[in-house]
C-alpha atoms as a PDB file:
ATOM      1  CA  MET A   1       0.000   0.000   0.000  1.00  0.00           C
ATOM      2  CA  SER A   2       1.447   3.369  -0.966  1.00  0.00           C
ATOM      3  CA  GLN A   3       2.233   5.974   1.690  1.00  0.00           C
ATOM      4  CA  ARG A   4      -0.136   8.371  -0.056  1.00  0.00           C
ATOM      5  CA  LEU A   5      -3.067   6.088   0.673  1.00  0.00           C
ATOM      6  CA  VAL A   6      -2.376   5.435   4.349  1.00  0.00           C
ATOM      7  CA  PRO A   7      -4.081   8.599   5.716  1.00  0.00           C
ATOM      8  CA  LEU A   8      -6.978   8.098   3.341  1.00  0.00           C
ATOM      9  CA  LEU A   9      -7.440   4.497   4.376  1.00  0.00           C
ATOM     10  CA  LEU A  10      -7.443   5.538   8.022  1.00  0.00           C
ATOM     11  CA  LEU A  11     -10.144   8.085   7.282  1.00  0.00           C
ATOM     12  CA  VAL A  12     -12.270   5.531   5.445  1.00  0.00           C
ATOM     13  CA  LEU A  13     -11.852   2.950   8.176  1.00  0.00           C
ATOM     14  CA  ALA A  14     -12.862   5.543  10.746  1.00  0.00           C
ATOM     15  CA  GLY A  15     -16.077   6.201   8.847  1.00  0.00           C
ATOM     16  CA  ALA A  16     -16.733   2.488   8.405  1.00  0.00           C
ATOM     17  CA  VAL A  17     -16.628   1.746  12.118  1.00  0.00           C
ATOM     18  CA  GLY A  18     -18.604   4.857  13.067  1.00  0.00           C
ATOM     19  CA  MET A  19     -16.014   7.174  14.623  1.00  0.00           C
ATOM     20  CA  GLU A  20     -17.567  10.516  15.496  1.00  0.00           C
ATOM     21  CA  VAL A  21     -14.762  12.561  13.965  1.00  0.00           C
ATOM     22  CA  VAL A  22     -15.723  11.529  10.417  1.00  0.00           C
ATOM     23  CA  ALA A  23     -19.214  11.897   8.974  1.00  0.00           C
ATOM     24  CA  GLN A  24     -20.705   8.781   7.486  1.00  0.00           C
ATOM     25  CA  PRO A  25     -20.976   8.996   3.697  1.00  0.00           C
ATOM     26  CA  MET A  26     -24.486   9.425   2.345  1.00  0.00           C
ATOM     27  CA  THR A  27     -26.042   5.976   2.049  1.00  0.00           C
ATOM     28  CA  GLY A  28     -29.816   6.335   2.003  1.00  0.00           C
ATOM     29  CA  GLY A  29     -30.639   8.212  -1.187  1.00  0.00           C
ATOM     30  CA  ALA A  30     -30.576  11.890  -2.063  1.00  0.00           C
ATOM     31  CA  ARG A  31     -33.902  12.752  -0.427  1.00  0.00           C
ATOM     32  CA  ALA A  32     -32.771  11.595   3.000  1.00  0.00           C
ATOM     33  CA  ALA A  33     -29.356  13.204   2.582  1.00  0.00           C
ATOM     34  CA  ALA A  34     -30.908  16.575   1.705  1.00  0.00           C
ATOM     35  CA  VAL A  35     -32.925  16.699   4.943  1.00  0.00           C
ATOM     36  CA  GLY A  36     -30.012  15.792   7.189  1.00  0.00           C
ATOM     37  CA  GLY A  37     -30.981  12.129   7.378  1.00  0.00           C
ATOM     38  CA  ALA A  38     -34.021  12.970   9.525  1.00  0.00           C
ATOM     39  CA  THR A  39     -36.291  10.396   7.862  1.00  0.00           C
ATOM     40  CA  THR A  40     -36.884   7.916  10.701  1.00  0.00           C
ATOM     41  CA  ALA A  41     -40.583   8.831  10.749  1.00  0.00           C
ATOM     42  CA  LEU A  42     -41.090   9.789   7.096  1.00  0.00           C
ATOM     43  CA  PRO A  43     -43.686   7.675   5.236  1.00  0.00           C
ATOM     44  CA  GLY A  44     -43.165   7.026   1.537  1.00  0.00           C
ATOM     45  CA  GLU A  45     -39.353   7.053   1.797  1.00  0.00           C
ATOM     46  CA  VAL A  46     -38.320   4.563  -0.889  1.00  0.00           C
ATOM     47  CA  TRP A  47     -34.761   3.831   0.311  1.00  0.00           C
ATOM     48  CA  GLY A  48     -35.823   2.925   3.839  1.00  0.00           C
ATOM     49  CA  GLN A  49     -32.293   3.449   5.132  1.00  0.00           C
ATOM     50  CA  SER A  50     -33.425   5.327   8.230  1.00  0.00           C
ATOM     51  CA  ASN A  51     -36.368   2.996   8.847  1.00  0.00           C
ATOM     52  CA  PRO A  52     -37.330  -0.152   6.900  1.00  0.00           C
ATOM     53  CA  ALA A  53     -40.916   0.207   8.131  1.00  0.00           C
ATOM     54  CA  ALA A  54     -41.308   3.045   5.595  1.00  0.00           C
ATOM     55  CA  TRP A  55     -41.372   0.428   2.824  1.00  0.00           C
ATOM     56  CA  GLY A  56     -44.741  -0.696   4.162  1.00  0.00           C
ATOM     57  CA  THR A  57     -46.246   2.684   3.248  1.00  0.00           C
ATOM     58  CA  LEU A  58     -45.419   2.336  -0.466  1.00  0.00           C
ATOM     59  CA  THR A  59     -48.380   1.575  -2.720  1.00  0.00           C
ATOM     60  CA  GLY A  60     -46.484   0.289  -5.761  1.00  0.00           C
ATOM     61  CA  PRO A  61     -43.153  -1.147  -6.931  1.00  0.00           C
ATOM     62  CA  ALA A  62     -40.096   1.098  -7.154  1.00  0.00           C
ATOM     63  CA  VAL A  63     -36.505   0.904  -8.342  1.00  0.00           C
ATOM     64  CA  SER A  64     -33.757   3.439  -7.693  1.00  0.00           C
ATOM     65  CA  LEU A  65     -30.050   4.024  -8.306  1.00  0.00           C
ATOM     66  CA  PHE A  66     -27.919   6.259  -6.089  1.00  0.00           C
ATOM     67  CA  ALA A  67     -24.373   7.597  -6.319  1.00  0.00           C
ATOM     68  CA  ALA A  68     -22.424   9.858  -3.950  1.00  0.00           C
ATOM     69  CA  GLN A  69     -18.864  11.067  -3.500  1.00  0.00           C
ATOM     70  CA  ALA A  70     -17.773  12.107  -0.030  1.00  0.00           C
ATOM     71  CA  TYR A  71     -15.791  15.354   0.305  1.00  0.00           C
ATOM     72  CA  GLY A  72     -14.925  15.450  -3.393  1.00  0.00           C
ATOM     73  CA  LEU A  73     -12.619  12.413  -3.159  1.00  0.00           C
ATOM     74  CA  SER A  74     -12.957   9.794  -5.874  1.00  0.00           C
ATOM     75  CA  GLU A  75     -11.682   7.181  -3.408  1.00  0.00           C
ATOM     76  CA  LEU A  76     -14.796   7.774  -1.281  1.00  0.00           C
ATOM     77  CA  ARG A  77     -17.403   7.034  -3.921  1.00  0.00           C
ATOM     78  CA  LEU A  78     -20.573   5.158  -3.102  1.00  0.00           C
ATOM     79  CA  GLY A  79     -22.983   3.428  -5.464  1.00  0.00           C
ATOM     80  CA  ALA A  80     -26.243   1.695  -4.579  1.00  0.00           C
ATOM     81  CA  ALA A  81     -29.231   0.021  -6.211  1.00  0.00           C
ATOM     82  CA  LEU A  82     -32.645  -0.686  -4.718  1.00  0.00           C
ATOM     83  CA  GLY A  83     -35.802  -2.547  -5.679  1.00  0.00           C
ATOM     84  CA  VAL A  84     -39.066  -2.577  -3.691  1.00  0.00           C
ATOM     85  CA  VAL A  85     -42.179  -4.662  -4.444  1.00  0.00           C
ATOM     86  CA  PRO A  86     -45.359  -4.559  -2.313  1.00  0.00           C
ATOM     87  CA  THR A  87     -47.192  -7.902  -2.158  1.00  0.00           C
ATOM     88  CA  ARG A  88     -50.361  -9.074  -0.466  1.00  0.00           C
ATOM     89  CA  LEU A  89     -48.468 -10.392   2.564  1.00  0.00           C
ATOM     90  CA  ALA A  90     -45.656  -7.843   2.889  1.00  0.00           C
ATOM     91  CA  THR A  91     -43.469  -5.375   1.034  1.00  0.00           C
ATOM     92  CA  VAL A  92     -40.179  -6.917  -0.085  1.00  0.00           C
ATOM     93  CA  ALA A  93     -37.041  -4.835  -0.672  1.00  0.00           C
ATOM     94  CA  ALA A  94     -33.566  -5.720  -1.919  1.00  0.00           C
ATOM     95  CA  GLN A  95     -30.579  -3.396  -1.872  1.00  0.00           C
ATOM     96  CA  ALA A  96     -26.885  -3.545  -2.708  1.00  0.00           C
ATOM     97  CA  ARG A  97     -24.256  -0.867  -2.249  1.00  0.00           C
ATOM     98  CA  THR A  98     -20.510  -0.502  -2.584  1.00  0.00           C
ATOM     99  CA  PHE A  99     -18.222   2.114  -1.073  1.00  0.00           C
ATOM    100  CA  GLY A 100     -14.512   2.790  -1.399  1.00  0.00           C
ATOM    101  CA  PHE A 101     -11.693   2.165  -3.858  1.00  0.00           C
ATOM    102  CA  ASP A 102      -9.232  -0.570  -4.855  1.00  0.00           C
ATOM    103  CA  GLU A 103      -7.292  -0.493  -1.575  1.00  0.00           C
ATOM    104  CA  PHE A 104     -10.393  -0.532   0.618  1.00  0.00           C
ATOM    105  CA  ARG A 105     -13.938  -1.487  -0.289  1.00  0.00           C
ATOM    106  CA  GLU A 106     -17.069  -2.122   1.725  1.00  0.00           C
ATOM    107  CA  GLY A 107     -20.088  -3.872   0.236  1.00  0.00           C
ATOM    108  CA  VAL A 108     -23.501  -4.244   1.866  1.00  0.00           C
ATOM    109  CA  TYR A 109     -26.251  -6.542   0.595  1.00  0.00           C
ATOM    110  CA  ARG A 110     -29.650  -6.153   2.215  1.00  0.00           C
ATOM    111  CA  LEU A 111     -33.015  -7.899   2.149  1.00  0.00           C
ATOM    112  CA  GLY A 112     -35.959  -6.164   3.793  1.00  0.00           C
ATOM    113  CA  LEU A 113     -39.561  -6.914   4.716  1.00  0.00           C
ATOM    114  CA  ALA A 114     -42.254  -4.486   5.871  1.00  0.00           C
ATOM    115  CA  ARG A 115     -45.915  -4.839   6.701  1.00  0.00           C
ATOM    116  CA  GLY A 116     -48.711  -2.549   7.830  1.00  0.00           C
ATOM    117  CA  PHE A 117     -51.411  -3.193  10.411  1.00  0.00           C
ATOM    118  CA  ARG A 118     -54.581  -1.273  11.182  1.00  0.00           C
ATOM    119  CA  LEU A 119     -54.958   0.453  14.547  1.00  0.00           C
ATOM    120  CA  GLY A 120     -58.592   1.252  15.167  1.00  0.00           C
ATOM    121  CA  THR A 121     -60.589   2.611  12.249  1.00  0.00           C
ATOM    122  CA  SER A 122     -58.122   5.019  10.677  1.00  0.00           C
ATOM    123  CA  ARG A 123     -54.572   4.710  12.007  1.00  0.00           C
ATOM    124  CA  ARG A 124     -51.885   2.426  10.579  1.00  0.00           C
ATOM    125  CA  PHE A 125     -48.877   0.834  12.250  1.00  0.00           C
ATOM    126  CA  TYR A 126     -45.948  -0.420  10.138  1.00  0.00           C
ATOM    127  CA  VAL A 127     -43.089  -2.712  11.074  1.00  0.00           C
ATOM    128  CA  GLY A 128     -39.932  -3.425   9.097  1.00  0.00           C
ATOM    129  CA  LEU A 129     -37.034  -5.870   9.260  1.00  0.00           C
ATOM    130  CA  THR A 130     -33.734  -5.973   7.375  1.00  0.00           C
ATOM    131  CA  LEU A 131     -31.204  -8.763   7.080  1.00  0.00           C
ATOM    132  CA  ASP A 132     -27.896  -7.641   5.654  1.00  0.00           C
ATOM    133  CA  TYR A 133     -24.416  -8.901   4.991  1.00  0.00           C
ATOM    134  CA  ALA A 134     -21.552  -6.407   5.146  1.00  0.00           C
ATOM    135  CA  ARG A 135     -18.134  -7.268   3.739  1.00  0.00           C
ATOM    136  CA  VAL A 136     -14.924  -5.243   3.964  1.00  0.00           C
ATOM    137  CA  THR A 137     -11.938  -5.915   1.711  1.00  0.00           C
ATOM    138  CA  VAL A 138      -8.524  -4.346   2.399  1.00  0.00           C
ATOM    139  CA  ALA A 139      -5.820  -4.860  -0.210  1.00  0.00           C
ATOM    140  CA  ARG A 140      -3.108  -7.308   0.918  1.00  0.00           C
ATOM    141  CA  TYR A 141      -4.973  -7.968   4.148  1.00  0.00           C
ATOM    142  CA  GLY A 142      -7.965  -9.916   2.855  1.00  0.00           C
ATOM    143  CA  ALA A 143     -11.680  -9.623   3.515  1.00  0.00           C
ATOM    144  CA  ARG A 144     -14.036 -10.046   6.447  1.00  0.00           C
ATOM    145  CA  GLY A 145     -17.818 -10.156   6.528  1.00  0.00           C
ATOM    146  CA  ALA A 146     -20.629 -10.091   9.068  1.00  0.00           C
ATOM    147  CA  PRO A 147     -24.442 -10.480   8.964  1.00  0.00           C
ATOM    148  CA  GLY A 148     -26.682  -7.916  10.635  1.00  0.00           C
ATOM    149  CA  VAL A 149     -30.298  -7.671  11.788  1.00  0.00           C
ATOM    150  CA  SER A 150     -32.163  -4.363  12.107  1.00  0.00           C
ATOM    151  CA  VAL A 151     -35.800  -3.496  12.886  1.00  0.00           C
ATOM    152  CA  GLY A 152     -38.068  -0.464  12.796  1.00  0.00           C
ATOM    153  CA  TRP A 153     -41.602   0.726  13.291  1.00  0.00           C
ATOM    154  CA  LEU A 154     -43.650   3.649  11.989  1.00  0.00           C
ATOM    155  CA  VAL A 155     -47.051   4.803  13.231  1.00  0.00           C
ATOM    156  CA  ALA A 156     -49.529   7.477  12.162  1.00  0.00           C
ATOM    157  CA  LEU A 157     -50.394   9.317  15.382  1.00  0.00           C
ATOM    158  CA  LEU A 158     -52.573  11.705  13.381  1.00  0.00           C
ATOM    159  CA  PRO A 159     -53.193  12.017   9.638  1.00  0.00           C
ATOM    160  CA  THR A 160     -50.468  14.694   9.590  1.00  0.00           C
ATOM    161  CA  LEU A 161     -48.143  13.364  12.308  1.00  0.00           C
ATOM    162  CA  HIS A 162     -45.984  10.219  12.226  1.00  0.00           C
ATOM    163  CA  ALA A 163     -43.558   8.726  14.729  1.00  0.00           C
ATOM    164  CA  GLY A 164     -40.844   6.207  13.928  1.00  0.00           C
ATOM    165  CA  PHE A 165     -38.149   4.094  15.560  1.00  0.00           C
ATOM    166  CA  HIS A 166     -35.174   2.209  14.101  1.00  0.00           C
ATOM    167  CA  ALA A 167     -32.615  -0.074  15.770  1.00  0.00           C
ATOM    168  CA  THR A 168     -29.651  -1.406  13.786  1.00  0.00           C
ATOM    169  CA  HIS A 169     -27.398  -4.444  14.189  1.00  0.00           C
ATOM    170  CA  LEU A 170     -29.252  -5.960  17.116  1.00  0.00           C
ATOM    171  CA  ASN A 171     -27.120  -9.092  16.844  1.00  0.00           C
ATOM    172  CA  ARG A 172     -23.904  -7.071  17.425  1.00  0.00           C
ATOM    173  CA  PRO A 173     -22.059  -8.156  14.258  1.00  0.00           C
ATOM    174  CA  ARG A 174     -18.277  -7.754  14.068  1.00  0.00           C
ATOM    175  CA  TYR A 175     -15.681  -7.780  11.326  1.00  0.00           C
ATOM    176  CA  ALA A 176     -13.158  -8.700  14.020  1.00  0.00           C
ATOM    177  CA  ALA A 177     -12.908  -8.725  17.805  1.00  0.00           C
ATOM    178  CA  ASP A 178     -12.254  -4.964  17.915  1.00  0.00           C
ATOM    179  CA  ALA A 179     -14.273  -3.973  14.822  1.00  0.00           C
ATOM    180  CA  GLU A 180     -17.949  -4.039  15.724  1.00  0.00           C
ATOM    181  CA  LEU A 181     -20.404  -2.631  13.187  1.00  0.00           C
ATOM    182  CA  PRO A 182     -22.226   0.495  14.405  1.00  0.00           C
ATOM    183  CA  ARG A 183     -25.227  -0.234  16.631  1.00  0.00           C
ATOM    184  CA  THR A 184     -27.645   2.678  16.560  1.00  0.00           C
ATOM    185  CA  PHE A 185     -31.078   3.623  17.847  1.00  0.00           C
ATOM    186  CA  ALA A 186     -33.144   6.389  16.245  1.00  0.00           C
ATOM    187  CA  LEU A 187     -36.440   7.990  17.234  1.00  0.00           C
ATOM    188  CA  GLY A 188     -38.172  10.585  15.093  1.00  0.00           C
ATOM    189  CA  LEU A 189     -41.249  12.574  14.151  1.00  0.00           C
ATOM    190  CA  SER A 190     -42.524  13.938  10.858  1.00  0.00           C
ATOM    191  CA  TYR A 191     -45.257  16.567  10.649  1.00  0.00           C
ATOM    192  CA  ALA A 192     -47.120  17.815   7.596  1.00  0.00           C
ATOM    193  CA  PRO A 193     -48.953  20.963   8.789  1.00  0.00           C
ATOM    194  CA  ALA A 194     -50.070  21.878   5.271  1.00  0.00           C
ATOM    195  CA  PRO A 195     -50.146  20.249   1.840  1.00  0.00           C
ATOM    196  CA  GLY A 196     -46.685  20.367   0.311  1.00  0.00           C
ATOM    197  CA  LEU A 197     -44.877  21.018   3.599  1.00  0.00           C
ATOM    198  CA  THR A 198     -43.200  18.403   5.819  1.00  0.00           C
ATOM    199  CA  VAL A 199     -41.064  19.039   8.894  1.00  0.00           C
ATOM    200  CA  MET A 200     -38.844  16.214  10.195  1.00  0.00           C
ATOM    201  CA  ALA A 201     -36.819  15.782  13.370  1.00  0.00           C
ATOM    202  CA  ASP A 202     -35.115  12.828  15.001  1.00  0.00           C
ATOM    203  CA  VAL A 203     -32.297  11.770  17.257  1.00  0.00           C
ATOM    204  CA  LEU A 204     -29.778   9.051  16.378  1.00  0.00           C
ATOM    205  CA  LYS A 205     -27.689   7.391  19.109  1.00  0.00           C
ATOM    206  CA  ASP A 206     -24.703   5.189  18.389  1.00  0.00           C
ATOM    207  CA  VAL A 207     -24.059   3.115  21.510  1.00  0.00           C
ATOM    208  CA  ARG A 208     -20.427   4.297  21.552  1.00  0.00           C
ATOM    209  CA  PHE A 209     -20.845   8.007  20.855  1.00  0.00           C
ATOM    210  CA  PRO A 210     -22.956  11.072  21.741  1.00  0.00           C
ATOM    211  CA  ALA A 211     -26.382  11.450  20.191  1.00  0.00           C
ATOM    212  CA  SER A 212     -26.781  13.106  16.791  1.00  0.00           C
ATOM    213  CA  TRP A 213     -29.738  15.475  16.432  1.00  0.00           C
ATOM    214  CA  ARG A 214     -31.147  15.805  12.923  1.00  0.00           C
ATOM    215  CA  GLY A 215     -33.780  18.040  11.379  1.00  0.00           C
ATOM    216  CA  GLY A 216     -35.129  18.663   7.913  1.00  0.00           C
ATOM    217  CA  LEU A 217     -37.705  20.552   5.891  1.00  0.00           C
ATOM    218  CA  GLU A 218     -39.282  19.564   2.577  1.00  0.00           C
ATOM    219  CA  VAL A 219     -41.398  21.989   0.544  1.00  0.00           C
ATOM    220  CA  THR A 220     -43.300  20.832  -2.540  1.00  0.00           C
ATOM    221  CA  PRO A 221     -44.647  23.938  -4.317  1.00  0.00           C
ATOM    222  CA  VAL A 222     -45.876  21.809  -7.230  1.00  0.00           C
ATOM    223  CA  ASP A 223     -46.136  18.041  -7.666  1.00  0.00           C
ATOM    224  CA  ALA A 224     -43.092  17.938  -9.939  1.00  0.00           C
ATOM    225  CA  LEU A 225     -40.705  19.824  -7.621  1.00  0.00           C
ATOM    226  CA  ALA A 226     -39.486  19.378  -4.042  1.00  0.00           C
ATOM    227  CA  LEU A 227     -37.070  21.703  -2.222  1.00  0.00           C
ATOM    228  CA  ARG A 228     -35.195  20.337   0.796  1.00  0.00           C
ATOM    229  CA  VAL A 229     -32.873  21.508   3.556  1.00  0.00           C
ATOM    230  CA  GLY A 230     -31.472  19.795   6.631  1.00  0.00           C
ATOM    231  CA  VAL A 231     -28.996  19.908   9.489  1.00  0.00           C
ATOM    232  CA  ALA A 232     -27.356  17.282  11.708  1.00  0.00           C
ATOM    233  CA  SER A 233     -25.011  17.307  14.679  1.00  0.00           C
ATOM    234  CA  ALA A 234     -22.144  15.096  15.925  1.00  0.00           C
ATOM    235  CA  PRO A 235     -20.471  15.974  13.609  1.00  0.00           C
ATOM    236  CA  MET A 236     -22.097  19.209  12.429  1.00  0.00           C
ATOM    237  CA  ARG A 237     -23.406  19.013   8.868  1.00  0.00           C
ATOM    238  CA  PHE A 238     -25.684  21.119   6.684  1.00  0.00           C
ATOM    239  CA  ALA A 239     -27.514  19.805   3.643  1.00  0.00           C
ATOM    240  CA  THR A 240     -29.743  20.939   0.826  1.00  0.00           C
ATOM    241  CA  GLY A 241     -31.261  19.391  -2.251  1.00  0.00           C
ATOM    242  CA  VAL A 242     -33.971  19.258  -4.863  1.00  0.00           C
ATOM    243  CA  GLY A 243     -36.273  16.549  -6.158  1.00  0.00           C
ATOM    244  CA  LEU A 244     -37.957  16.313  -9.556  1.00  0.00           C
ATOM    245  CA  ARG A 245     -40.799  14.060 -10.663  1.00  0.00           C
ATOM    246  CA  LEU A 246     -42.219  13.501 -14.120  1.00  0.00           C
ATOM    247  CA  GLY A 247     -44.902  10.852 -14.001  1.00  0.00           C
ATOM    248  CA  PRO A 248     -43.293   7.673 -12.639  1.00  0.00           C
ATOM    249  CA  LEU A 249     -39.758   9.013 -13.179  1.00  0.00           C
ATOM    250  CA  GLU A 250     -38.019  10.566 -10.164  1.00  0.00           C
ATOM    251  CA  ALA A 251     -34.655  12.254  -9.720  1.00  0.00           C
ATOM    252  CA  ALA A 252     -33.106  13.907  -6.688  1.00  0.00           C
ATOM    253  CA  PHE A 253     -29.891  15.760  -5.922  1.00  0.00           C
ATOM    254  CA  ALA A 254     -28.381  16.494  -2.518  1.00  0.00           C
ATOM    255  CA  ALA A 255     -25.293  18.289  -1.252  1.00  0.00           C
ATOM    256  CA  GLU A 256     -24.081  17.904   2.313  1.00  0.00           C
ATOM    257  CA  ARG A 257     -21.388  20.049   3.931  1.00  0.00           C
ATOM    258  CA  HIS A 258     -19.313  18.666   6.790  1.00  0.00           C
ATOM    259  CA  TYR A 259     -18.052  21.440   9.086  1.00  0.00           C
ATOM    260  CA  ALA A 260     -14.403  20.447   8.535  1.00  0.00           C
ATOM    261  CA  LEU A 261     -14.176  18.152   5.507  1.00  0.00           C
ATOM    262  CA  GLY A 262     -16.308  19.993   2.953  1.00  0.00           C
ATOM    263  CA  TRP A 263     -19.001  19.046   0.459  1.00  0.00           C
ATOM    264  CA  SER A 264     -20.423  15.650  -0.473  1.00  0.00           C
ATOM    265  CA  PRO A 265     -22.779  15.505  -3.491  1.00  0.00           C
ATOM    266  CA  GLY A 266     -25.291  12.735  -4.138  1.00  0.00           C
ATOM    267  CA  LEU A 267     -27.693  11.920  -6.977  1.00  0.00           C
ATOM    268  CA  ASP A 268     -30.385   9.302  -7.417  1.00  0.00           C
ATOM    269  CA  VAL A 269     -32.797   8.397 -10.187  1.00  0.00           C
ATOM    270  CA  GLY A 270     -35.738   6.062  -9.854  1.00  0.00           C
ATOM    271  CA  TRP A 271     -39.009   4.795 -11.219  1.00  0.00           C
ATOM    272  CA  ARG A 272     -42.238   4.236  -9.280  1.00  0.00           C
ATOM    273  CA  TRP A 273     -45.165   2.333 -10.691  1.00  0.00           C
END
């Protein structure tokens, strides 16, 4: 491994194991990235990264592709693909993503299930489960993998107010004895006080680090356009983005600024039936 790549590899490894000093690269689509990741309680979120229960709110199949590049470094590129299909019994989702470069690469392969239940005459309660396999490959050092189990729920408290919860890696997976995958718990709210306006807020707690507070705002002046802004702490980040929709075709762009490391752009395109 060249000396030039050693600091970069250390930075990537720090992000992979969840160190607070380095922001995680965007992983859950451009919409979530643009609102600071505050989508734990957001229904209709196709990527379901912040809460797999959101898949249960989808009314039709969807596919999406996502790409991001952290801090303008080509070595920190991420690519992901997603497919979601609602069925009579449950909504099924499959996702694959890759992050890194030749010297260091992390791949995650995920299968998800979500289902909705009726509470009373009008409210709905959704639960979601993901099973994933994460694999890290470091040049000249080999590869290690670990399976993970995560769960979430989402409930409509009112027609305009949702609450959500997400817990990741409940089985405490590890790449090695001292390389445990991040275990997090998130609790959030989303509120739509008026048509075309959604306010989101949540708190994310990694068991090893201080809580991260996240908030976002999405404004949809017309059906074809969405404007988004968000903020997150620990570490401090600001984000913005835009979403476009033309019939079943969707596209979204996000840009996130880390307080010390700079900008990270992300773009996704998708199709909803």
